[in-house]
């Protein structure tokens, strides 16, 4: 097996040295603030309620995005409540008995998602929504647009010494 760079001509060797020198110079010349902002975004968690519109990037950006809707259980139980007949308690009980499996199918995932969202919000000690948590560490309050939250994050990273 032949390695074309092992028997490189002086021109190729010169080009490689020039490229390497330029790359090293760029790395050394980069200010410390710019290097600190280079920390890649690995995860974004958005905490909202169902009335808030979340703007997500149009294409995958190389990080995981999770949207936590804090009121999923409320929405699911209200939907079930709308299905229960209004003909009195006996009729409502009969309907619930006949539709128990359906109600569980619709409410259980919402209950789990809401419990997980509340658990994550408590873990991050969030005190209001909307909130965007970046890399499990930095919180940006008041925005539902992921791109805007990331701009705030990058700006705050650039201000750090």
N, C-alpha and C. Protein backbone atom coordinates (compact mmCIF):
# COMPACT_ATOMS: atom_id res chain seq x y z
N UNK A 1 0.85 -1.17 0.00
CA UNK A 1 0.00 0.00 0.00
C UNK A 1 0.90 1.23 0.00
N UNK A 2 0.63 2.16 -0.87
CA UNK A 2 1.47 3.33 -1.03
C UNK A 2 0.79 4.54 -0.42
N UNK A 3 1.51 5.28 0.38
CA UNK A 3 1.00 6.51 0.97
C UNK A 3 1.55 7.66 0.15
N UNK A 4 0.69 8.40 -0.51
CA UNK A 4 1.15 9.45 -1.41
C UNK A 4 1.85 10.58 -0.66
N UNK A 5 1.56 10.77 0.62
CA UNK A 5 2.21 11.83 1.38
C UNK A 5 3.57 11.40 1.93
N UNK A 6 3.84 10.09 1.99
CA UNK A 6 5.13 9.65 2.54
C UNK A 6 6.28 9.94 1.58
N UNK A 7 5.99 9.98 0.30
CA UNK A 7 7.01 10.28 -0.69
C UNK A 7 6.65 11.60 -1.37
N UNK A 8 6.30 12.58 -0.56
CA UNK A 8 5.79 13.84 -1.09
C UNK A 8 6.89 14.63 -1.78
N UNK A 9 6.47 15.31 -2.82
CA UNK A 9 7.40 16.19 -3.52
C UNK A 9 7.65 17.42 -2.64
N UNK A 10 8.70 18.15 -2.91
CA UNK A 10 8.96 19.37 -2.14
C UNK A 10 7.79 20.36 -2.21
N UNK A 11 7.07 20.38 -3.33
CA UNK A 11 5.93 21.29 -3.47
C UNK A 11 4.82 20.89 -2.50
N UNK A 12 4.51 19.57 -2.46
CA UNK A 12 3.48 19.09 -1.54
C UNK A 12 3.90 19.32 -0.10
N UNK A 13 5.14 19.05 0.21
CA UNK A 13 5.63 19.25 1.58
C UNK A 13 5.54 20.72 1.96
N UNK A 14 5.86 21.60 1.03
CA UNK A 14 5.76 23.04 1.29
C UNK A 14 4.33 23.47 1.52
N UNK A 15 3.41 22.92 0.72
CA UNK A 15 1.99 23.25 0.88
C UNK A 15 1.50 22.78 2.24
N UNK A 16 1.88 21.57 2.64
CA UNK A 16 1.45 21.03 3.92
C UNK A 16 1.98 21.89 5.06
N UNK A 17 3.23 22.31 4.96
CA UNK A 17 3.83 23.15 6.01
C UNK A 17 3.12 24.49 6.08
N UNK A 18 2.77 25.06 4.92
CA UNK A 18 2.07 26.35 4.89
C UNK A 18 0.70 26.23 5.54
N UNK A 19 -0.02 25.17 5.20
CA UNK A 19 -1.35 24.96 5.78
C UNK A 19 -1.26 24.76 7.28
N UNK A 20 -0.30 23.95 7.72
CA UNK A 20 -0.12 23.69 9.15
C UNK A 20 0.26 24.97 9.88
N UNK A 21 1.15 25.77 9.31
CA UNK A 21 1.57 27.02 9.93
C UNK A 21 0.39 27.99 10.04
N UNK A 22 -0.42 28.08 9.00
CA UNK A 22 -1.58 28.97 9.02
C UNK A 22 -2.60 28.53 10.06
N UNK A 23 -2.81 27.23 10.17
CA UNK A 23 -3.76 26.72 11.16
C UNK A 23 -3.28 26.99 12.57
N UNK A 24 -1.99 26.78 12.83
CA UNK A 24 -1.43 27.05 14.16
C UNK A 24 -1.49 28.54 14.47
N UNK A 25 -1.19 29.38 13.51
CA UNK A 25 -1.23 30.82 13.73
C UNK A 25 -2.64 31.27 14.06
N UNK A 26 -3.62 30.73 13.37
CA UNK A 26 -5.02 31.10 13.63
C UNK A 26 -5.43 30.66 15.02
N UNK A 27 -4.99 29.49 15.44
CA UNK A 27 -5.35 28.98 16.77
C UNK A 27 -4.70 29.82 17.86
N UNK A 28 -3.43 30.21 17.66
CA UNK A 28 -2.73 31.00 18.66
C UNK A 28 -3.25 32.43 18.69
N UNK A 29 -3.60 32.98 17.53
CA UNK A 29 -4.05 34.37 17.45
C UNK A 29 -5.49 34.55 17.93
N UNK A 30 -6.26 33.48 18.05
CA UNK A 30 -7.66 33.59 18.46
C UNK A 30 -7.73 34.09 19.89
N UNK A 31 -8.57 35.11 20.16
CA UNK A 31 -8.68 35.60 21.52
C UNK A 31 -9.30 34.56 22.44
N UNK A 32 -9.01 34.67 23.73
CA UNK A 32 -9.50 33.70 24.71
C UNK A 32 -11.01 33.66 24.74
N UNK A 33 -11.68 34.81 24.58
CA UNK A 33 -13.15 34.84 24.61
C UNK A 33 -13.71 34.02 23.46
N UNK A 34 -13.10 34.13 22.28
CA UNK A 34 -13.60 33.37 21.14
C UNK A 34 -13.40 31.88 21.36
N UNK A 35 -12.29 31.51 21.99
CA UNK A 35 -12.07 30.10 22.24
C UNK A 35 -13.07 29.56 23.26
N UNK A 36 -13.46 30.37 24.26
CA UNK A 36 -14.41 29.89 25.26
C UNK A 36 -15.80 29.73 24.69
N UNK A 37 -16.15 30.52 23.64
CA UNK A 37 -17.47 30.38 23.04
C UNK A 37 -17.55 29.17 22.11
N UNK A 38 -16.40 28.56 21.84
CA UNK A 38 -16.39 27.44 20.92
C UNK A 38 -16.94 26.16 21.55
N UNK A 39 -17.28 26.20 22.84
CA UNK A 39 -17.85 25.02 23.48
C UNK A 39 -19.12 24.64 22.71
N UNK A 40 -19.16 23.44 22.20
CA UNK A 40 -20.30 23.06 21.36
C UNK A 40 -21.59 22.91 22.17
N UNK A 41 -22.68 23.24 21.53
CA UNK A 41 -23.99 23.03 22.13
C UNK A 41 -24.33 21.55 21.93
N UNK A 42 -24.58 20.86 23.03
CA UNK A 42 -24.91 19.44 22.97
C UNK A 42 -26.40 19.18 23.18
N UNK A 43 -27.02 20.01 24.02
CA UNK A 43 -28.45 19.79 24.30
C UNK A 43 -29.15 21.11 24.55
N UNK A 44 -30.41 21.14 24.16
CA UNK A 44 -31.28 22.28 24.39
C UNK A 44 -32.61 21.74 24.89
N UNK A 45 -33.04 22.24 26.05
CA UNK A 45 -34.33 21.86 26.61
C UNK A 45 -35.18 23.12 26.72
N UNK A 46 -36.39 23.05 26.17
CA UNK A 46 -37.29 24.19 26.16
C UNK A 46 -38.46 23.87 27.08
N UNK A 47 -38.73 24.75 28.04
CA UNK A 47 -39.81 24.57 29.01
C UNK A 47 -40.88 25.62 28.73
N UNK A 48 -42.07 25.15 28.33
CA UNK A 48 -43.17 26.03 27.95
C UNK A 48 -44.50 25.42 28.38
N UNK A 49 -45.58 26.17 28.17
CA UNK A 49 -46.92 25.58 28.29
C UNK A 49 -47.53 25.50 26.90
N UNK A 50 -48.70 24.94 26.81
CA UNK A 50 -49.29 24.68 25.49
C UNK A 50 -49.70 25.94 24.75
N UNK A 51 -49.81 27.06 25.43
CA UNK A 51 -50.17 28.31 24.76
C UNK A 51 -48.97 28.98 24.09
N UNK A 52 -47.78 28.52 24.40
CA UNK A 52 -46.56 29.14 23.87
C UNK A 52 -46.10 28.42 22.61
N UNK A 53 -45.76 29.21 21.60
CA UNK A 53 -45.27 28.66 20.34
C UNK A 53 -43.75 28.59 20.40
N UNK A 54 -43.22 27.41 20.13
CA UNK A 54 -41.77 27.19 20.16
C UNK A 54 -41.25 27.22 18.73
N UNK A 55 -40.23 28.03 18.51
CA UNK A 55 -39.59 28.10 17.19
C UNK A 55 -38.33 27.24 17.24
N UNK A 56 -38.33 26.17 16.46
CA UNK A 56 -37.19 25.25 16.39
C UNK A 56 -36.38 25.52 15.14
N UNK A 57 -35.10 25.17 15.15
CA UNK A 57 -34.28 25.32 13.93
C UNK A 57 -34.88 24.48 12.80
N UNK A 58 -34.76 24.94 11.57
CA UNK A 58 -35.37 24.22 10.44
C UNK A 58 -34.76 22.86 10.15
N UNK A 59 -33.50 22.67 10.52
CA UNK A 59 -32.82 21.41 10.23
C UNK A 59 -32.01 21.00 11.46
N UNK A 60 -31.67 19.73 11.56
CA UNK A 60 -30.85 19.28 12.69
C UNK A 60 -29.55 20.09 12.77
N UNK A 61 -29.20 20.52 13.97
CA UNK A 61 -28.04 21.37 14.17
C UNK A 61 -26.90 20.67 14.90
N UNK A 62 -27.01 19.38 15.13
CA UNK A 62 -25.94 18.66 15.81
C UNK A 62 -26.11 18.60 17.31
N UNK A 63 -27.25 19.03 17.81
CA UNK A 63 -27.52 18.92 19.23
C UNK A 63 -28.95 18.42 19.42
N UNK A 64 -29.19 17.88 20.59
CA UNK A 64 -30.51 17.31 20.90
C UNK A 64 -31.41 18.41 21.44
N UNK A 65 -32.64 18.47 20.93
CA UNK A 65 -33.64 19.43 21.41
C UNK A 65 -34.80 18.66 22.02
N UNK A 66 -35.18 19.05 23.24
CA UNK A 66 -36.34 18.47 23.91
C UNK A 66 -37.26 19.61 24.32
N UNK A 67 -38.54 19.50 23.96
CA UNK A 67 -39.53 20.48 24.36
C UNK A 67 -40.38 19.87 25.47
N UNK A 68 -40.39 20.53 26.62
CA UNK A 68 -41.18 20.09 27.76
C UNK A 68 -42.41 20.98 27.87
N UNK A 69 -43.58 20.41 27.66
CA UNK A 69 -44.84 21.15 27.84
C UNK A 69 -45.31 20.88 29.26
N UNK A 70 -45.27 21.89 30.08
CA UNK A 70 -45.53 21.74 31.50
C UNK A 70 -46.99 21.42 31.82
N UNK A 71 -47.89 21.62 30.88
CA UNK A 71 -49.31 21.43 31.14
C UNK A 71 -49.95 20.30 30.32
N UNK A 72 -49.16 19.33 29.91
CA UNK A 72 -49.71 18.23 29.10
C UNK A 72 -50.80 17.46 29.82
N UNK A 73 -50.63 17.22 31.11
CA UNK A 73 -51.64 16.48 31.86
C UNK A 73 -52.94 17.26 31.92
N UNK A 74 -52.87 18.56 32.16
CA UNK A 74 -54.07 19.39 32.18
C UNK A 74 -54.81 19.31 30.84
N UNK A 75 -54.08 19.39 29.76
CA UNK A 75 -54.69 19.34 28.42
C UNK A 75 -55.38 17.99 28.21
N UNK A 76 -54.70 16.91 28.58
CA UNK A 76 -55.28 15.57 28.38
C UNK A 76 -56.52 15.36 29.25
N UNK A 77 -56.48 15.81 30.49
CA UNK A 77 -57.66 15.60 31.36
C UNK A 77 -58.82 16.47 30.91
N UNK A 78 -58.54 17.66 30.39
CA UNK A 78 -59.62 18.50 29.86
C UNK A 78 -60.24 17.86 28.63
N UNK A 79 -59.43 17.23 27.80
CA UNK A 79 -59.95 16.55 26.61
C UNK A 79 -60.85 15.39 27.01
N UNK A 80 -60.44 14.63 28.02
CA UNK A 80 -61.28 13.52 28.51
C UNK A 80 -62.55 14.07 29.12
N UNK A 81 -62.44 15.13 29.87
CA UNK A 81 -63.61 15.75 30.51
C UNK A 81 -64.65 16.17 29.47
N UNK A 82 -64.18 16.63 28.33
CA UNK A 82 -65.09 17.03 27.26
C UNK A 82 -65.84 15.84 26.66
N UNK A 83 -65.27 14.65 26.76
CA UNK A 83 -65.90 13.45 26.20
C UNK A 83 -66.94 12.83 27.14
N UNK A 84 -66.87 13.13 28.41
CA UNK A 84 -67.79 12.53 29.39
C UNK A 84 -69.18 13.11 29.18
N UNK A 85 -70.20 12.24 29.05
CA UNK A 85 -71.57 12.73 28.85
C UNK A 85 -72.05 13.54 30.05
N UNK A 86 -72.91 14.50 29.79
CA UNK A 86 -73.42 15.40 30.82
C UNK A 86 -74.80 14.99 31.32
N UNK A 87 -75.13 13.73 31.25
CA UNK A 87 -76.46 13.25 31.65
C UNK A 87 -76.59 12.84 33.10
N UNK A 88 -75.67 13.21 33.93
CA UNK A 88 -75.71 12.85 35.34
C UNK A 88 -74.55 11.95 35.72
N UNK A 89 -74.43 11.73 37.03
CA UNK A 89 -73.29 10.98 37.55
C UNK A 89 -73.30 9.52 37.10
N UNK A 90 -74.47 8.89 37.09
CA UNK A 90 -74.55 7.48 36.71
C UNK A 90 -74.10 7.28 35.26
N UNK A 91 -74.54 8.16 34.40
CA UNK A 91 -74.14 8.07 32.98
C UNK A 91 -72.64 8.33 32.82
N UNK A 92 -72.12 9.27 33.56
CA UNK A 92 -70.69 9.58 33.50
C UNK A 92 -69.87 8.40 33.99
N UNK A 93 -70.29 7.77 35.09
CA UNK A 93 -69.57 6.59 35.61
C UNK A 93 -69.60 5.44 34.60
N UNK A 94 -70.75 5.24 33.97
CA UNK A 94 -70.88 4.18 32.98
C UNK A 94 -69.93 4.45 31.80
N UNK A 95 -69.90 5.69 31.34
CA UNK A 95 -69.01 6.04 30.23
C UNK A 95 -67.55 5.80 30.61
N UNK A 96 -67.16 6.24 31.82
CA UNK A 96 -65.78 6.05 32.26
C UNK A 96 -65.42 4.57 32.37
N UNK A 97 -66.36 3.76 32.87
CA UNK A 97 -66.11 2.33 32.98
C UNK A 97 -65.91 1.71 31.60
N UNK A 98 -66.75 2.09 30.65
CA UNK A 98 -66.66 1.55 29.28
C UNK A 98 -65.45 2.07 28.50
N UNK A 99 -64.92 3.19 28.91
CA UNK A 99 -63.80 3.81 28.18
C UNK A 99 -62.52 3.90 29.00
N UNK A 100 -62.43 3.09 30.04
CA UNK A 100 -61.28 3.15 30.95
C UNK A 100 -59.95 2.95 30.22
N UNK A 101 -59.88 1.96 29.35
CA UNK A 101 -58.63 1.69 28.63
C UNK A 101 -58.26 2.88 27.74
N UNK A 102 -59.24 3.45 27.07
CA UNK A 102 -58.99 4.60 26.19
C UNK A 102 -58.49 5.80 27.01
N UNK A 103 -59.12 6.05 28.15
CA UNK A 103 -58.72 7.16 29.00
C UNK A 103 -57.28 6.95 29.48
N UNK A 104 -56.95 5.74 29.90
CA UNK A 104 -55.58 5.45 30.34
C UNK A 104 -54.59 5.66 29.22
N UNK A 105 -54.95 5.21 28.00
CA UNK A 105 -54.06 5.38 26.84
C UNK A 105 -53.79 6.85 26.56
N UNK A 106 -54.79 7.69 26.77
CA UNK A 106 -54.64 9.11 26.45
C UNK A 106 -54.03 9.92 27.59
N UNK A 107 -54.32 9.55 28.82
CA UNK A 107 -53.88 10.35 29.96
C UNK A 107 -52.51 9.91 30.49
N UNK A 108 -52.20 8.63 30.47
CA UNK A 108 -50.95 8.14 31.05
C UNK A 108 -49.71 8.77 30.42
N UNK A 109 -49.58 8.80 29.09
CA UNK A 109 -48.38 9.44 28.52
C UNK A 109 -48.28 10.92 28.89
N UNK A 110 -49.41 11.60 28.95
CA UNK A 110 -49.40 13.02 29.32
C UNK A 110 -48.98 13.19 30.78
N UNK A 111 -49.44 12.29 31.64
CA UNK A 111 -49.07 12.35 33.06
C UNK A 111 -47.57 12.11 33.22
N UNK A 112 -47.04 11.15 32.50
CA UNK A 112 -45.61 10.85 32.58
C UNK A 112 -44.79 12.02 32.03
N UNK A 113 -45.21 12.56 30.90
CA UNK A 113 -44.48 13.68 30.30
C UNK A 113 -44.50 14.90 31.21
N UNK A 114 -45.64 15.17 31.84
CA UNK A 114 -45.74 16.31 32.75
C UNK A 114 -44.87 16.09 33.99
N UNK A 115 -44.91 14.89 34.53
CA UNK A 115 -44.08 14.59 35.71
C UNK A 115 -42.60 14.73 35.37
N UNK A 116 -42.20 14.25 34.19
CA UNK A 116 -40.80 14.39 33.76
C UNK A 116 -40.42 15.85 33.57
N UNK A 117 -41.32 16.63 32.99
CA UNK A 117 -41.06 18.06 32.77
C UNK A 117 -40.90 18.79 34.09
N UNK A 118 -41.78 18.50 35.03
CA UNK A 118 -41.70 19.14 36.36
C UNK A 118 -40.41 18.72 37.06
N UNK A 119 -40.08 17.45 36.96
CA UNK A 119 -38.85 16.95 37.57
C UNK A 119 -37.62 17.67 36.99
N UNK A 120 -37.56 17.81 35.66
CA UNK A 120 -36.42 18.50 35.02
C UNK A 120 -36.39 19.97 35.43
N UNK A 121 -37.56 20.61 35.45
CA UNK A 121 -37.63 22.03 35.84
C UNK A 121 -37.15 22.21 37.28
N UNK A 122 -37.53 21.31 38.16
CA UNK A 122 -37.07 21.38 39.54
C UNK A 122 -35.57 21.14 39.63
N UNK A 123 -35.07 20.20 38.85
CA UNK A 123 -33.63 19.92 38.82
C UNK A 123 -32.84 21.17 38.45
N UNK A 124 -33.34 21.91 37.45
CA UNK A 124 -32.67 23.12 37.00
C UNK A 124 -33.02 24.34 37.87
N UNK A 125 -33.94 24.15 38.80
CA UNK A 125 -34.41 25.22 39.68
C UNK A 125 -35.00 26.38 38.90
N UNK A 126 -35.76 26.04 37.87
CA UNK A 126 -36.42 27.07 37.07
C UNK A 126 -37.51 27.70 37.91
N UNK A 127 -37.67 29.02 37.79
CA UNK A 127 -38.70 29.69 38.56
C UNK A 127 -39.79 30.30 37.69
N UNK A 128 -39.66 30.14 36.37
CA UNK A 128 -40.70 30.63 35.46
C UNK A 128 -40.48 30.02 34.08
N UNK A 129 -41.51 30.16 33.26
CA UNK A 129 -41.42 29.74 31.87
C UNK A 129 -41.86 30.92 31.01
N UNK A 130 -41.44 31.00 29.79
CA UNK A 130 -40.60 30.06 29.08
C UNK A 130 -39.15 30.12 29.56
N UNK A 131 -38.51 28.98 29.44
CA UNK A 131 -37.10 28.87 29.79
C UNK A 131 -36.44 27.89 28.83
N UNK A 132 -35.23 28.22 28.42
CA UNK A 132 -34.44 27.35 27.55
C UNK A 132 -33.16 27.02 28.31
N UNK A 133 -32.90 25.72 28.49
CA UNK A 133 -31.70 25.28 29.19
C UNK A 133 -30.74 24.70 28.15
N UNK A 134 -29.53 25.25 28.14
CA UNK A 134 -28.53 24.86 27.15
C UNK A 134 -27.41 24.09 27.86
N UNK A 135 -27.09 22.93 27.31
CA UNK A 135 -26.03 22.06 27.84
C UNK A 135 -26.24 21.72 29.32
N UNK A 136 -27.49 21.55 29.72
CA UNK A 136 -27.83 21.17 31.09
C UNK A 136 -27.29 22.16 32.13
N UNK A 137 -27.02 23.39 31.71
CA UNK A 137 -26.35 24.30 32.63
C UNK A 137 -26.83 25.73 32.56
N UNK A 138 -26.91 26.30 31.38
CA UNK A 138 -27.23 27.71 31.22
C UNK A 138 -28.71 27.89 30.91
N UNK A 139 -29.36 28.80 31.66
CA UNK A 139 -30.80 29.05 31.48
C UNK A 139 -30.98 30.40 30.81
N UNK A 140 -31.82 30.43 29.77
CA UNK A 140 -32.22 31.66 29.13
C UNK A 140 -33.73 31.77 29.33
N UNK A 141 -34.17 32.78 30.06
CA UNK A 141 -35.59 32.97 30.34
C UNK A 141 -36.22 33.91 29.32
N UNK A 142 -37.53 33.73 29.11
CA UNK A 142 -38.31 34.70 28.35
C UNK A 142 -38.36 34.51 26.86
N UNK A 143 -37.72 33.47 26.32
CA UNK A 143 -37.77 33.26 24.87
C UNK A 143 -38.24 31.84 24.56
N UNK A 144 -38.91 31.70 23.43
CA UNK A 144 -39.34 30.38 22.97
C UNK A 144 -38.71 30.03 21.63
N UNK A 145 -37.88 30.91 21.12
CA UNK A 145 -37.17 30.68 19.86
C UNK A 145 -35.78 30.14 20.20
N UNK A 146 -35.50 28.92 19.78
CA UNK A 146 -34.23 28.28 20.12
C UNK A 146 -33.06 29.07 19.56
N UNK A 147 -33.17 29.59 18.36
CA UNK A 147 -32.07 30.36 17.76
C UNK A 147 -31.78 31.61 18.58
N UNK A 148 -32.81 32.30 19.05
CA UNK A 148 -32.62 33.50 19.88
C UNK A 148 -31.97 33.12 21.21
N UNK A 149 -32.43 32.03 21.82
CA UNK A 149 -31.84 31.58 23.08
C UNK A 149 -30.35 31.27 22.89
N UNK A 150 -30.02 30.64 21.77
CA UNK A 150 -28.61 30.32 21.50
C UNK A 150 -27.78 31.58 21.26
N UNK A 151 -28.39 32.60 20.67
CA UNK A 151 -27.68 33.87 20.49
C UNK A 151 -27.38 34.51 21.85
N UNK A 152 -28.36 34.49 22.75
CA UNK A 152 -28.14 35.02 24.11
C UNK A 152 -27.03 34.22 24.81
N UNK A 153 -27.08 32.91 24.65
CA UNK A 153 -26.08 32.04 25.26
C UNK A 153 -24.68 32.38 24.74
N UNK A 154 -24.54 32.47 23.42
CA UNK A 154 -23.23 32.78 22.83
C UNK A 154 -22.75 34.16 23.25
N UNK A 155 -23.66 35.13 23.33
CA UNK A 155 -23.28 36.47 23.76
C UNK A 155 -22.80 36.46 25.20
N UNK A 156 -23.47 35.71 26.06
CA UNK A 156 -23.03 35.64 27.46
C UNK A 156 -21.70 34.91 27.58
N UNK A 157 -21.47 33.93 26.75
CA UNK A 157 -20.17 33.22 26.77
C UNK A 157 -19.05 34.15 26.31
N UNK A 158 -19.34 35.03 25.36
CA UNK A 158 -18.32 35.94 24.84
C UNK A 158 -17.95 37.01 25.87
N UNK A 159 -18.89 37.35 26.77
CA UNK A 159 -18.61 38.37 27.80
C UNK A 159 -17.80 37.80 28.95
N UNK A 160 -17.76 36.49 29.11
CA UNK A 160 -17.01 35.89 30.22
C UNK A 160 -15.51 36.04 30.00
N UNK A 161 -14.76 36.27 31.09
CA UNK A 161 -13.30 36.41 30.94
C UNK A 161 -12.63 35.11 30.62
